[in-house]
């Protein structure tokens, strides 16, 4: 199993996958923003992530060991990179390539006997493209949600029973937190996606998105409490639920046009935050559990592609299928941690 992390063949496809996600987030979620400002935001995020990696891996102390000559060349290398960006932006601005295509989703007229939902996408060229979800698509999405609720409910019962048999409070509390997150996500998603003609659609949508934050924090809790110790356990658990609370607050207060593009970025950044403590987790839960956790994250991240692919038939059912698959994989990892702690 260790060769998975040391083989370049296993890592080589990932840059292309994340590059595709980068293009999707930039073109699908961004609205009315210049390419310069968009790149500025992305660069700040990249710098923050890089700084986090340097601090987490203990490499920051190496700053004092770098020679002045090396510093000089690194600074010039950075300036050259910035100059290349400026030239690239200038070339793009002379044409239309740098314009970020806005996206608009509006309610369209629907015939009650033919469809359950009709959406109209206003493209950057002003053309309107109709997107109609058929009865078959709605039925497929409904089936995915019903299966998810049934399997998720059964899984929660089994996991809670195992934790109760162990009879230790840390396991009971963490399994309880995870169970609340899982059921909240599945229930809110079902309520929003199946009640398409409800007059409370916007409120249900907010709860649907807020449920994902509860789910991510609940998924973190068994690993941070049972897999870490001391300050790390307290810090990561507190951070997970604090970020979830912030995300829920944003979801419940911001208008849809401002929160939609932010949502996916927050979900993914929140979901991969665990890389900060990958070393201690590897020592406590083992490589196999970490591989399962990472697999769930990859499945969810790939599912985002289908979430953004609005024109794909059965898009909603496929996206929710990826979410359920990722949740099922993470359930297996949590089961392994709970059973192993006994």
C-alpha atoms as a PDB file:
ATOM      1  CA  UNK A   1       0.000   0.000   0.000  1.00  0.00           C
ATOM      2  CA  UNK A   2       2.908   2.347   0.702  1.00  0.00           C
ATOM      3  CA  UNK A   3       3.911   2.278  -2.974  1.00  0.00           C
ATOM      4  CA  UNK A   4       0.708   4.193  -3.799  1.00  0.00           C
ATOM      5  CA  UNK A   5       2.200   7.325  -2.221  1.00  0.00           C
ATOM      6  CA  UNK A   6       5.714   6.809  -3.646  1.00  0.00           C
ATOM      7  CA  UNK A   7       4.748   5.974  -7.229  1.00  0.00           C
ATOM      8  CA  UNK A   8       4.816   8.852  -9.709  1.00  0.00           C
ATOM      9  CA  UNK A   9       2.237   7.031 -11.859  1.00  0.00           C
ATOM     10  CA  UNK A  10      -0.305   7.352  -9.045  1.00  0.00           C
ATOM     11  CA  UNK A  11       0.279  11.091  -8.652  1.00  0.00           C
ATOM     12  CA  UNK A  12       0.691  12.031 -12.324  1.00  0.00           C
ATOM     13  CA  UNK A  13      -3.057  12.124 -13.232  1.00  0.00           C
ATOM     14  CA  UNK A  14      -3.926  14.394 -10.288  1.00  0.00           C
ATOM     15  CA  UNK A  15      -2.569  17.693 -11.728  1.00  0.00           C
ATOM     16  CA  UNK A  16      -4.807  17.312 -14.778  1.00  0.00           C
ATOM     17  CA  UNK A  17      -7.815  16.570 -12.569  1.00  0.00           C
ATOM     18  CA  UNK A  18      -7.247  19.611 -10.385  1.00  0.00           C
ATOM     19  CA  UNK A  19      -6.550  21.761 -13.459  1.00  0.00           C
ATOM     20  CA  UNK A  20      -9.952  20.724 -14.789  1.00  0.00           C
ATOM     21  CA  UNK A  21     -11.553  21.668 -11.464  1.00  0.00           C
ATOM     22  CA  UNK A  22      -9.743  25.008 -11.599  1.00  0.00           C
ATOM     23  CA  UNK A  23     -11.230  25.754 -15.014  1.00  0.00           C
ATOM     24  CA  UNK A  24     -14.702  24.689 -13.903  1.00  0.00           C
ATOM     25  CA  UNK A  25     -14.676  26.832 -10.753  1.00  0.00           C
ATOM     26  CA  UNK A  26     -13.307  29.868 -12.598  1.00  0.00           C
ATOM     27  CA  UNK A  27     -15.754  29.735 -15.497  1.00  0.00           C
ATOM     28  CA  UNK A  28     -18.854  28.361 -13.819  1.00  0.00           C
ATOM     29  CA  UNK A  29     -18.833  30.051 -10.448  1.00  0.00           C
ATOM     30  CA  UNK A  30     -17.250  33.443 -11.190  1.00  0.00           C
ATOM     31  CA  UNK A  31     -19.426  36.357 -12.229  1.00  0.00           C
ATOM     32  CA  UNK A  32     -18.588  39.952 -13.166  1.00  0.00           C
ATOM     33  CA  UNK A  33     -14.932  39.804 -12.182  1.00  0.00           C
ATOM     34  CA  UNK A  34     -11.834  40.728 -14.164  1.00  0.00           C
ATOM     35  CA  UNK A  35      -9.210  38.096 -14.876  1.00  0.00           C
ATOM     36  CA  UNK A  36      -6.583  40.137 -12.981  1.00  0.00           C
ATOM     37  CA  UNK A  37      -8.615  40.246  -9.778  1.00  0.00           C
ATOM     38  CA  UNK A  38      -9.610  36.582 -10.135  1.00  0.00           C
ATOM     39  CA  UNK A  39      -5.947  35.600 -10.471  1.00  0.00           C
ATOM     40  CA  UNK A  40      -5.079  37.774  -7.469  1.00  0.00           C
ATOM     41  CA  UNK A  41      -7.586  35.872  -5.301  1.00  0.00           C
ATOM     42  CA  UNK A  42      -6.323  32.488  -6.525  1.00  0.00           C
ATOM     43  CA  UNK A  43      -2.701  33.523  -5.938  1.00  0.00           C
ATOM     44  CA  UNK A  44      -3.417  34.598  -2.353  1.00  0.00           C
ATOM     45  CA  UNK A  45      -5.082  31.238  -1.694  1.00  0.00           C
ATOM     46  CA  UNK A  46      -2.128  29.373  -3.226  1.00  0.00           C
ATOM     47  CA  UNK A  47       0.332  31.333  -1.084  1.00  0.00           C
ATOM     48  CA  UNK A  48      -1.706  30.632   2.050  1.00  0.00           C
ATOM     49  CA  UNK A  49      -1.857  26.901   1.284  1.00  0.00           C
ATOM     50  CA  UNK A  50       1.878  26.797   0.526  1.00  0.00           C
ATOM     51  CA  UNK A  51       2.672  28.624   3.772  1.00  0.00           C
ATOM     52  CA  UNK A  52       0.487  26.146   5.653  1.00  0.00           C
ATOM     53  CA  UNK A  53       2.369  23.220   4.126  1.00  0.00           C
ATOM     54  CA  UNK A  54       5.728  24.775   5.031  1.00  0.00           C
ATOM     55  CA  UNK A  55       4.668  25.338   8.650  1.00  0.00           C
ATOM     56  CA  UNK A  56       2.949  21.945   8.986  1.00  0.00           C
ATOM     57  CA  UNK A  57       5.979  20.048   7.684  1.00  0.00           C
ATOM     58  CA  UNK A  58       8.440  22.001   9.833  1.00  0.00           C
ATOM     59  CA  UNK A  59      10.371  23.480   6.896  1.00  0.00           C
ATOM     60  CA  UNK A  60      10.094  27.114   7.974  1.00  0.00           C
ATOM     61  CA  UNK A  61      13.299  26.854  10.030  1.00  0.00           C
ATOM     62  CA  UNK A  62      15.177  26.281   6.749  1.00  0.00           C
ATOM     63  CA  UNK A  63      14.766  29.993   5.964  1.00  0.00           C
ATOM     64  CA  UNK A  64      17.843  30.802   8.010  1.00  0.00           C
ATOM     65  CA  UNK A  65      19.981  28.190   6.248  1.00  0.00           C
ATOM     66  CA  UNK A  66      19.422  29.520   2.717  1.00  0.00           C
ATOM     67  CA  UNK A  67      22.392  31.475   1.384  1.00  0.00           C
ATOM     68  CA  UNK A  68      22.132  35.062   0.166  1.00  0.00           C
ATOM     69  CA  UNK A  69      22.936  33.975  -3.389  1.00  0.00           C
ATOM     70  CA  UNK A  70      20.089  31.460  -3.347  1.00  0.00           C
ATOM     71  CA  UNK A  71      17.709  34.096  -1.970  1.00  0.00           C
ATOM     72  CA  UNK A  72      18.710  36.442  -4.785  1.00  0.00           C
ATOM     73  CA  UNK A  73      18.041  33.866  -7.483  1.00  0.00           C
ATOM     74  CA  UNK A  74      14.717  32.849  -5.923  1.00  0.00           C
ATOM     75  CA  UNK A  75      13.570  36.479  -5.786  1.00  0.00           C
ATOM     76  CA  UNK A  76      14.560  37.015  -9.427  1.00  0.00           C
ATOM     77  CA  UNK A  77      12.758  33.812 -10.348  1.00  0.00           C
ATOM     78  CA  UNK A  78       9.601  35.143  -8.681  1.00  0.00           C
ATOM     79  CA  UNK A  79       9.922  38.462 -10.489  1.00  0.00           C
ATOM     80  CA  UNK A  80      10.326  36.646 -13.800  1.00  0.00           C
ATOM     81  CA  UNK A  81       7.206  34.613 -13.071  1.00  0.00           C
ATOM     82  CA  UNK A  82       5.269  37.790 -12.287  1.00  0.00           C
ATOM     83  CA  UNK A  83       6.526  39.431 -15.472  1.00  0.00           C
ATOM     84  CA  UNK A  84       5.402  36.443 -17.527  1.00  0.00           C
ATOM     85  CA  UNK A  85       1.927  36.724 -15.988  1.00  0.00           C
ATOM     86  CA  UNK A  86       1.758  40.441 -16.770  1.00  0.00           C
ATOM     87  CA  UNK A  87       2.678  39.821 -20.392  1.00  0.00           C
ATOM     88  CA  UNK A  88       0.168  37.004 -20.618  1.00  0.00           C
ATOM     89  CA  UNK A  89      -2.617  39.155 -19.132  1.00  0.00           C
ATOM     90  CA  UNK A  90      -1.786  42.000 -21.518  1.00  0.00           C
ATOM     91  CA  UNK A  91      -1.988  39.661 -24.494  1.00  0.00           C
ATOM     92  CA  UNK A  92      -5.303  38.253 -23.308  1.00  0.00           C
ATOM     93  CA  UNK A  93      -6.792  41.692 -22.691  1.00  0.00           C
ATOM     94  CA  UNK A  94      -6.205  42.633 -26.309  1.00  0.00           C
ATOM     95  CA  UNK A  95      -8.827  40.012 -27.190  1.00  0.00           C
ATOM     96  CA  UNK A  96     -11.826  38.401 -25.546  1.00  0.00           C
ATOM     97  CA  UNK A  97     -10.134  35.365 -24.024  1.00  0.00           C
ATOM     98  CA  UNK A  98      -9.830  36.906 -20.567  1.00  0.00           C
ATOM     99  CA  UNK A  99     -13.520  37.527 -20.088  1.00  0.00           C
ATOM    100  CA  UNK A 100     -15.087  35.297 -17.509  1.00  0.00           C
ATOM    101  CA  UNK A 101     -18.374  33.961 -18.794  1.00  0.00           C
ATOM    102  CA  UNK A 102     -21.160  34.796 -16.337  1.00  0.00           C
ATOM    103  CA  UNK A 103     -23.826  32.300 -15.539  1.00  0.00           C
ATOM    104  CA  UNK A 104     -27.466  32.998 -14.875  1.00  0.00           C
ATOM    105  CA  UNK A 105     -30.029  30.448 -13.810  1.00  0.00           C
ATOM    106  CA  UNK A 106     -33.657  31.497 -13.895  1.00  0.00           C
ATOM    107  CA  UNK A 107     -36.994  29.825 -13.619  1.00  0.00           C
ATOM    108  CA  UNK A 108     -38.469  29.122 -17.008  1.00  0.00           C
ATOM    109  CA  UNK A 109     -42.029  28.290 -18.014  1.00  0.00           C
ATOM    110  CA  UNK A 110     -42.783  24.626 -17.408  1.00  0.00           C
ATOM    111  CA  UNK A 111     -45.670  22.509 -18.522  1.00  0.00           C
ATOM    112  CA  UNK A 112     -46.914  20.538 -15.531  1.00  0.00           C
ATOM    113  CA  UNK A 113     -47.579  17.395 -17.564  1.00  0.00           C
ATOM    114  CA  UNK A 114     -44.170  17.341 -19.205  1.00  0.00           C
ATOM    115  CA  UNK A 115     -41.529  18.357 -16.676  1.00  0.00           C
ATOM    116  CA  UNK A 116     -40.890  19.046 -13.018  1.00  0.00           C
ATOM    117  CA  UNK A 117     -38.352  21.812 -13.486  1.00  0.00           C
ATOM    118  CA  UNK A 118     -37.304  24.067 -16.300  1.00  0.00           C
ATOM    119  CA  UNK A 119     -34.169  26.186 -16.104  1.00  0.00           C
ATOM    120  CA  UNK A 120     -32.818  28.759 -18.543  1.00  0.00           C
ATOM    121  CA  UNK A 121     -29.115  29.490 -18.777  1.00  0.00           C
ATOM    122  CA  UNK A 122     -28.215  32.977 -19.970  1.00  0.00           C
ATOM    123  CA  UNK A 123     -24.873  32.584 -21.696  1.00  0.00           C
ATOM    124  CA  UNK A 124     -22.250  35.332 -22.125  1.00  0.00           C
ATOM    125  CA  UNK A 125     -23.298  35.882 -25.737  1.00  0.00           C
ATOM    126  CA  UNK A 126     -26.860  36.633 -24.670  1.00  0.00           C
ATOM    127  CA  UNK A 127     -28.321  33.390 -25.977  1.00  0.00           C
ATOM    128  CA  UNK A 128     -30.803  31.500 -23.812  1.00  0.00           C
ATOM    129  CA  UNK A 129     -30.389  27.740 -23.520  1.00  0.00           C
ATOM    130  CA  UNK A 130     -33.274  25.793 -22.010  1.00  0.00           C
ATOM    131  CA  UNK A 131     -32.529  23.004 -19.564  1.00  0.00           C
ATOM    132  CA  UNK A 132     -35.491  20.787 -18.834  1.00  0.00           C
ATOM    133  CA  UNK A 133     -35.422  18.061 -16.235  1.00  0.00           C
ATOM    134  CA  UNK A 134     -37.686  15.235 -17.304  1.00  0.00           C
ATOM    135  CA  UNK A 135     -39.828  12.990 -15.138  1.00  0.00           C
ATOM    136  CA  UNK A 136     -37.256  10.217 -15.584  1.00  0.00           C
ATOM    137  CA  UNK A 137     -34.447  12.460 -14.329  1.00  0.00           C
ATOM    138  CA  UNK A 138     -36.513  13.533 -11.342  1.00  0.00           C
ATOM    139  CA  UNK A 139     -37.367   9.891 -10.595  1.00  0.00           C
ATOM    140  CA  UNK A 140     -33.670   8.938 -10.749  1.00  0.00           C
ATOM    141  CA  UNK A 141     -32.738  11.722  -8.355  1.00  0.00           C
ATOM    142  CA  UNK A 142     -35.573  10.729  -6.026  1.00  0.00           C
ATOM    143  CA  UNK A 143     -34.351   7.112  -6.055  1.00  0.00           C
ATOM    144  CA  UNK A 144     -30.814   8.199  -5.185  1.00  0.00           C
ATOM    145  CA  UNK A 145     -32.106  10.188  -2.210  1.00  0.00           C
ATOM    146  CA  UNK A 146     -34.376   7.399  -0.977  1.00  0.00           C
ATOM    147  CA  UNK A 147     -31.542   4.872  -1.168  1.00  0.00           C
ATOM    148  CA  UNK A 148     -29.200   7.324   0.532  1.00  0.00           C
ATOM    149  CA  UNK A 149     -31.570   7.954   3.428  1.00  0.00           C
ATOM    150  CA  UNK A 150     -32.292   4.240   3.892  1.00  0.00           C
ATOM    151  CA  UNK A 151     -28.666   3.107   3.736  1.00  0.00           C
ATOM    152  CA  UNK A 152     -27.458   6.099   5.756  1.00  0.00           C
ATOM    153  CA  UNK A 153     -30.022   5.477   8.482  1.00  0.00           C
ATOM    154  CA  UNK A 154     -29.088   1.803   8.698  1.00  0.00           C
ATOM    155  CA  UNK A 155     -25.397   2.674   8.774  1.00  0.00           C
ATOM    156  CA  UNK A 156     -25.902   5.132  11.618  1.00  0.00           C
ATOM    157  CA  UNK A 157     -27.723   2.476  13.660  1.00  0.00           C
ATOM    158  CA  UNK A 158     -24.932  -0.071  13.139  1.00  0.00           C
ATOM    159  CA  UNK A 159     -22.172   2.417  13.946  1.00  0.00           C
ATOM    160  CA  UNK A 160     -23.983   3.668  17.051  1.00  0.00           C
ATOM    161  CA  UNK A 161     -24.495   0.096  18.267  1.00  0.00           C
ATOM    162  CA  UNK A 162     -20.779  -0.660  17.930  1.00  0.00           C
ATOM    163  CA  UNK A 163     -19.874   2.526  19.813  1.00  0.00           C
ATOM    164  CA  UNK A 164     -22.394   1.654  22.536  1.00  0.00           C
ATOM    165  CA  UNK A 165     -20.887  -1.824  22.917  1.00  0.00           C
ATOM    166  CA  UNK A 166     -17.478  -0.268  23.502  1.00  0.00           C
ATOM    167  CA  UNK A 167     -19.109   1.923  26.149  1.00  0.00           C
ATOM    168  CA  UNK A 168     -16.628   4.809  25.984  1.00  0.00           C
ATOM    169  CA  UNK A 169     -17.752   8.419  25.866  1.00  0.00           C
ATOM    170  CA  UNK A 170     -15.294   9.628  23.181  1.00  0.00           C
ATOM    171  CA  UNK A 171     -16.609   7.063  20.715  1.00  0.00           C
ATOM    172  CA  UNK A 172     -20.248   7.727  21.600  1.00  0.00           C
ATOM    173  CA  UNK A 173     -19.852  11.493  21.203  1.00  0.00           C
ATOM    174  CA  UNK A 174     -17.909  11.327  17.943  1.00  0.00           C
ATOM    175  CA  UNK A 175     -20.253   8.779  16.393  1.00  0.00           C
ATOM    176  CA  UNK A 176     -23.171  10.946  17.505  1.00  0.00           C
ATOM    177  CA  UNK A 177     -21.655  14.016  15.847  1.00  0.00           C
ATOM    178  CA  UNK A 178     -21.000  12.091  12.636  1.00  0.00           C
ATOM    179  CA  UNK A 179     -24.514  10.620  12.656  1.00  0.00           C
ATOM    180  CA  UNK A 180     -26.085  14.059  13.043  1.00  0.00           C
ATOM    181  CA  UNK A 181     -24.021  15.357  10.128  1.00  0.00           C
ATOM    182  CA  UNK A 182     -24.840  12.436   7.843  1.00  0.00           C
ATOM    183  CA  UNK A 183     -28.584  12.450   8.511  1.00  0.00           C
ATOM    184  CA  UNK A 184     -28.748  16.254   8.300  1.00  0.00           C
ATOM    185  CA  UNK A 185     -27.066  16.282   4.894  1.00  0.00           C
ATOM    186  CA  UNK A 186     -29.224  13.477   3.493  1.00  0.00           C
ATOM    187  CA  UNK A 187     -32.481  14.867   4.904  1.00  0.00           C
ATOM    188  CA  UNK A 188     -31.928  18.477   3.841  1.00  0.00           C
ATOM    189  CA  UNK A 189     -30.827  17.379   0.377  1.00  0.00           C
ATOM    190  CA  UNK A 190     -33.908  15.206  -0.046  1.00  0.00           C
ATOM    191  CA  UNK A 191     -36.213  17.975   1.175  1.00  0.00           C
ATOM    192  CA  UNK A 192     -34.767  20.517  -1.253  1.00  0.00           C
ATOM    193  CA  UNK A 193     -34.331  18.374  -4.347  1.00  0.00           C
ATOM    194  CA  UNK A 194     -37.638  16.519  -4.108  1.00  0.00           C
ATOM    195  CA  UNK A 195     -39.883  19.446  -3.159  1.00  0.00           C
ATOM    196  CA  UNK A 196     -39.428  21.211  -6.501  1.00  0.00           C
ATOM    197  CA  UNK A 197     -42.775  22.989  -6.413  1.00  0.00           C
ATOM    198  CA  UNK A 198     -42.543  24.209  -2.820  1.00  0.00           C
ATOM    199  CA  UNK A 199     -42.809  27.940  -2.175  1.00  0.00           C
ATOM    200  CA  UNK A 200     -40.031  27.546   0.395  1.00  0.00           C
ATOM    201  CA  UNK A 201     -37.442  26.468  -2.185  1.00  0.00           C
ATOM    202  CA  UNK A 202     -34.896  29.137  -1.300  1.00  0.00           C
ATOM    203  CA  UNK A 203     -35.023  28.287   2.410  1.00  0.00           C
ATOM    204  CA  UNK A 204     -34.739  24.567   1.648  1.00  0.00           C
ATOM    205  CA  UNK A 205     -31.765  25.278  -0.603  1.00  0.00           C
ATOM    206  CA  UNK A 206     -30.026  27.133   2.215  1.00  0.00           C
ATOM    207  CA  UNK A 207     -30.600  24.215   4.590  1.00  0.00           C
ATOM    208  CA  UNK A 208     -29.406  21.795   1.895  1.00  0.00           C
ATOM    209  CA  UNK A 209     -26.095  23.606   1.551  1.00  0.00           C
ATOM    210  CA  UNK A 210     -25.758  24.151   5.305  1.00  0.00           C
ATOM    211  CA  UNK A 211     -26.182  20.411   5.840  1.00  0.00           C
ATOM    212  CA  UNK A 212     -22.996  19.758   3.882  1.00  0.00           C
ATOM    213  CA  UNK A 213     -20.990  21.826   6.367  1.00  0.00           C
ATOM    214  CA  UNK A 214     -22.491  19.838   9.250  1.00  0.00           C
ATOM    215  CA  UNK A 215     -21.612  16.624   7.419  1.00  0.00           C
ATOM    216  CA  UNK A 216     -17.978  17.611   6.826  1.00  0.00           C
ATOM    217  CA  UNK A 217     -17.487  18.684  10.451  1.00  0.00           C
ATOM    218  CA  UNK A 218     -19.197  15.513  11.662  1.00  0.00           C
ATOM    219  CA  UNK A 219     -16.940  13.405   9.440  1.00  0.00           C
ATOM    220  CA  UNK A 220     -13.834  15.095  10.816  1.00  0.00           C
ATOM    221  CA  UNK A 221     -14.826  14.560  14.461  1.00  0.00           C
ATOM    222  CA  UNK A 222     -14.127  10.797  14.824  1.00  0.00           C
ATOM    223  CA  UNK A 223     -10.687  11.214  13.247  1.00  0.00           C
ATOM    224  CA  UNK A 224      -9.699  14.330  15.202  1.00  0.00           C
ATOM    225  CA  UNK A 225     -10.949  13.030  18.567  1.00  0.00           C
ATOM    226  CA  UNK A 226     -10.010   9.342  18.272  1.00  0.00           C
ATOM    227  CA  UNK A 227      -7.026   9.719  15.939  1.00  0.00           C
ATOM    228  CA  UNK A 228      -5.301  12.742  17.470  1.00  0.00           C
ATOM    229  CA  UNK A 229      -4.379  13.704  21.007  1.00  0.00           C
ATOM    230  CA  UNK A 230      -3.808  16.755  23.146  1.00  0.00           C
ATOM    231  CA  UNK A 231      -3.784  20.167  21.520  1.00  0.00           C
ATOM    232  CA  UNK A 232      -4.052  18.786  18.008  1.00  0.00           C
ATOM    233  CA  UNK A 233      -7.293  16.975  18.814  1.00  0.00           C
ATOM    234  CA  UNK A 234      -8.829  20.021  20.477  1.00  0.00           C
ATOM    235  CA  UNK A 235      -7.559  22.432  17.824  1.00  0.00           C
ATOM    236  CA  UNK A 236      -8.674  20.457  14.774  1.00  0.00           C
ATOM    237  CA  UNK A 237     -12.067  19.567  16.249  1.00  0.00           C
ATOM    238  CA  UNK A 238     -12.710  23.168  17.252  1.00  0.00           C
ATOM    239  CA  UNK A 239     -11.542  24.439  13.863  1.00  0.00           C
ATOM    240  CA  UNK A 240     -13.789  21.991  12.009  1.00  0.00           C
ATOM    241  CA  UNK A 241     -16.943  23.023  13.838  1.00  0.00           C
ATOM    242  CA  UNK A 242     -16.001  26.724  13.777  1.00  0.00           C
ATOM    243  CA  UNK A 243     -15.605  26.605   9.997  1.00  0.00           C
ATOM    244  CA  UNK A 244     -18.884  24.709   9.743  1.00  0.00           C
ATOM    245  CA  UNK A 245     -20.629  27.370  11.833  1.00  0.00           C
ATOM    246  CA  UNK A 246     -19.167  30.125   9.652  1.00  0.00           C
ATOM    247  CA  UNK A 247     -20.217  28.315   6.487  1.00  0.00           C
ATOM    248  CA  UNK A 248     -23.751  27.831   7.794  1.00  0.00           C
ATOM    249  CA  UNK A 249     -23.934  31.516   8.739  1.00  0.00           C
ATOM    250  CA  UNK A 250     -22.881  32.539   5.230  1.00  0.00           C
ATOM    251  CA  UNK A 251     -25.356  30.136   3.683  1.00  0.00           C
ATOM    252  CA  UNK A 252     -28.265  31.422   5.718  1.00  0.00           C
ATOM    253  CA  UNK A 253     -27.515  35.129   5.235  1.00  0.00           C
ATOM    254  CA  UNK A 254     -25.895  35.732   1.834  1.00  0.00           C
ATOM    255  CA  UNK A 255     -28.015  35.980  -1.329  1.00  0.00           C
ATOM    256  CA  UNK A 256     -27.766  33.049  -3.735  1.00  0.00           C
ATOM    257  CA  UNK A 257     -25.743  34.835  -6.413  1.00  0.00           C
ATOM    258  CA  UNK A 258     -23.027  35.622  -3.866  1.00  0.00           C
ATOM    259  CA  UNK A 259     -22.923  32.281  -2.075  1.00  0.00           C
ATOM    260  CA  UNK A 260     -23.145  29.800  -4.958  1.00  0.00           C
ATOM    261  CA  UNK A 261     -19.621  30.227  -6.308  1.00  0.00           C
ATOM    262  CA  UNK A 262     -18.202  30.406  -2.790  1.00  0.00           C
ATOM    263  CA  UNK A 263     -19.890  27.188  -1.695  1.00  0.00           C
ATOM    264  CA  UNK A 264     -17.929  24.630  -3.697  1.00  0.00           C
ATOM    265  CA  UNK A 265     -14.600  26.302  -2.926  1.00  0.00           C
ATOM    266  CA  UNK A 266     -15.398  26.270   0.805  1.00  0.00           C
ATOM    267  CA  UNK A 267     -16.556  22.654   0.729  1.00  0.00           C
ATOM    268  CA  UNK A 268     -13.393  21.462  -1.015  1.00  0.00           C
ATOM    269  CA  UNK A 269     -11.004  23.556   1.090  1.00  0.00           C
ATOM    270  CA  UNK A 270     -12.802  22.423   4.263  1.00  0.00           C
ATOM    271  CA  UNK A 271     -12.783  18.802   3.141  1.00  0.00           C
ATOM    272  CA  UNK A 272      -9.049  18.724   2.387  1.00  0.00           C
ATOM    273  CA  UNK A 273      -8.084  20.672   5.535  1.00  0.00           C
ATOM    274  CA  UNK A 274      -7.144  17.375   7.175  1.00  0.00           C
ATOM    275  CA  UNK A 275      -3.892  17.322   5.178  1.00  0.00           C
ATOM    276  CA  UNK A 276      -2.521  19.627   7.883  1.00  0.00           C
ATOM    277  CA  UNK A 277      -2.397  16.721  10.354  1.00  0.00           C
ATOM    278  CA  UNK A 278      -1.728  13.893   7.921  1.00  0.00           C
ATOM    279  CA  UNK A 279       1.479  12.949   9.761  1.00  0.00           C
ATOM    280  CA  UNK A 280      -0.066  12.396  13.208  1.00  0.00           C
ATOM    281  CA  UNK A 281      -3.082  10.661  11.656  1.00  0.00           C
ATOM    282  CA  UNK A 282      -0.812   8.304   9.731  1.00  0.00           C
ATOM    283  CA  UNK A 283       0.885   7.317  12.965  1.00  0.00           C
ATOM    284  CA  UNK A 284      -2.391   6.765  14.845  1.00  0.00           C
ATOM    285  CA  UNK A 285      -4.933   5.319  12.384  1.00  0.00           C
ATOM    286  CA  UNK A 286      -2.570   3.792   9.831  1.00  0.00           C
ATOM    287  CA  UNK A 287      -2.007   4.107   6.094  1.00  0.00           C
ATOM    288  CA  UNK A 288      -5.000   2.007   5.035  1.00  0.00           C
ATOM    289  CA  UNK A 289      -7.492   4.309   6.783  1.00  0.00           C
ATOM    290  CA  UNK A 290      -5.838   7.393   5.291  1.00  0.00           C
ATOM    291  CA  UNK A 291      -6.048   5.896   1.802  1.00  0.00           C
ATOM    292  CA  UNK A 292      -9.774   5.288   2.307  1.00  0.00           C
ATOM    293  CA  UNK A 293     -10.266   8.875   3.541  1.00  0.00           C
ATOM    294  CA  UNK A 294      -8.371  10.254   0.544  1.00  0.00           C
ATOM    295  CA  UNK A 295     -10.380   8.059  -1.827  1.00  0.00           C
ATOM    296  CA  UNK A 296     -13.605   9.540  -0.468  1.00  0.00           C
ATOM    297  CA  UNK A 297     -12.250  13.049  -0.961  1.00  0.00           C
ATOM    298  CA  UNK A 298     -11.232  12.293  -4.548  1.00  0.00           C
ATOM    299  CA  UNK A 299     -14.666  10.837  -5.343  1.00  0.00           C
ATOM    300  CA  UNK A 300     -16.400  13.924  -3.960  1.00  0.00           C
ATOM    301  CA  UNK A 301     -14.016  16.254  -5.828  1.00  0.00           C
ATOM    302  CA  UNK A 302     -14.640  14.440  -9.110  1.00  0.00           C
ATOM    303  CA  UNK A 303     -18.370  14.667  -8.473  1.00  0.00           C
ATOM    304  CA  UNK A 304     -18.074  18.459  -8.488  1.00  0.00           C
ATOM    305  CA  UNK A 305     -17.468  18.212 -12.239  1.00  0.00           C
ATOM    306  CA  UNK A 306     -20.947  16.766 -12.680  1.00  0.00           C
ATOM    307  CA  UNK A 307     -22.411  19.301 -10.258  1.00  0.00           C
ATOM    308  CA  UNK A 308     -21.184  22.045 -12.586  1.00  0.00           C
ATOM    309  CA  UNK A 309     -22.186  20.203 -15.785  1.00  0.00           C
ATOM    310  CA  UNK A 310     -25.747  21.556 -15.856  1.00  0.00           C
ATOM    311  CA  UNK A 311     -26.472  20.452 -19.408  1.00  0.00           C
ATOM    312  CA  UNK A 312     -25.772  16.766 -18.768  1.00  0.00           C
ATOM    313  CA  UNK A 313     -28.847  14.498 -18.656  1.00  0.00           C
ATOM    314  CA  UNK A 314     -29.392  13.052 -15.167  1.00  0.00           C
ATOM    315  CA  UNK A 315     -26.795  15.542 -13.915  1.00  0.00           C
ATOM    316  CA  UNK A 316     -28.422  15.974 -10.512  1.00  0.00           C
ATOM    317  CA  UNK A 317     -28.760  12.235  -9.886  1.00  0.00           C
ATOM    318  CA  UNK A 318     -25.142  11.626 -10.959  1.00  0.00           C
ATOM    319  CA  UNK A 319     -23.853  14.397  -8.700  1.00  0.00           C
ATOM    320  CA  UNK A 320     -25.807  13.106  -5.723  1.00  0.00           C
ATOM    321  CA  UNK A 321     -24.597   9.595  -6.517  1.00  0.00           C
ATOM    322  CA  UNK A 322     -21.004  10.794  -6.196  1.00  0.00           C
ATOM    323  CA  UNK A 323     -21.853  12.464  -2.873  1.00  0.00           C
ATOM    324  CA  UNK A 324     -23.358   9.225  -1.547  1.00  0.00           C
ATOM    325  CA  UNK A 325     -20.384   7.213  -2.785  1.00  0.00           C
ATOM    326  CA  UNK A 326     -17.945   9.571  -1.042  1.00  0.00           C
ATOM    327  CA  UNK A 327     -20.026   9.462   2.145  1.00  0.00           C
ATOM    328  CA  UNK A 328     -20.071   5.659   2.007  1.00  0.00           C
ATOM    329  CA  UNK A 329     -16.298   5.505   1.630  1.00  0.00           C
ATOM    330  CA  UNK A 330     -15.804   7.835   4.585  1.00  0.00           C
ATOM    331  CA  UNK A 331     -18.290   5.764   6.581  1.00  0.00           C
ATOM    332  CA  UNK A 332     -16.012   2.763   6.035  1.00  0.00           C
ATOM    333  CA  UNK A 333     -13.017   4.731   7.300  1.00  0.00           C
ATOM    334  CA  UNK A 334     -14.922   5.868  10.397  1.00  0.00           C
ATOM    335  CA  UNK A 335     -16.059   2.306  11.032  1.00  0.00           C
ATOM    336  CA  UNK A 336     -12.429   1.211  10.879  1.00  0.00           C
ATOM    337  CA  UNK A 337     -11.383   3.859  13.403  1.00  0.00           C
ATOM    338  CA  UNK A 338     -14.241   3.085  15.805  1.00  0.00           C
ATOM    339  CA  UNK A 339     -13.705  -0.678  15.616  1.00  0.00           C
ATOM    340  CA  UNK A 340      -9.941  -0.269  15.876  1.00  0.00           C
ATOM    341  CA  UNK A 341     -10.225   1.911  18.958  1.00  0.00           C
ATOM    342  CA  UNK A 342     -12.029  -0.905  20.748  1.00  0.00           C
END
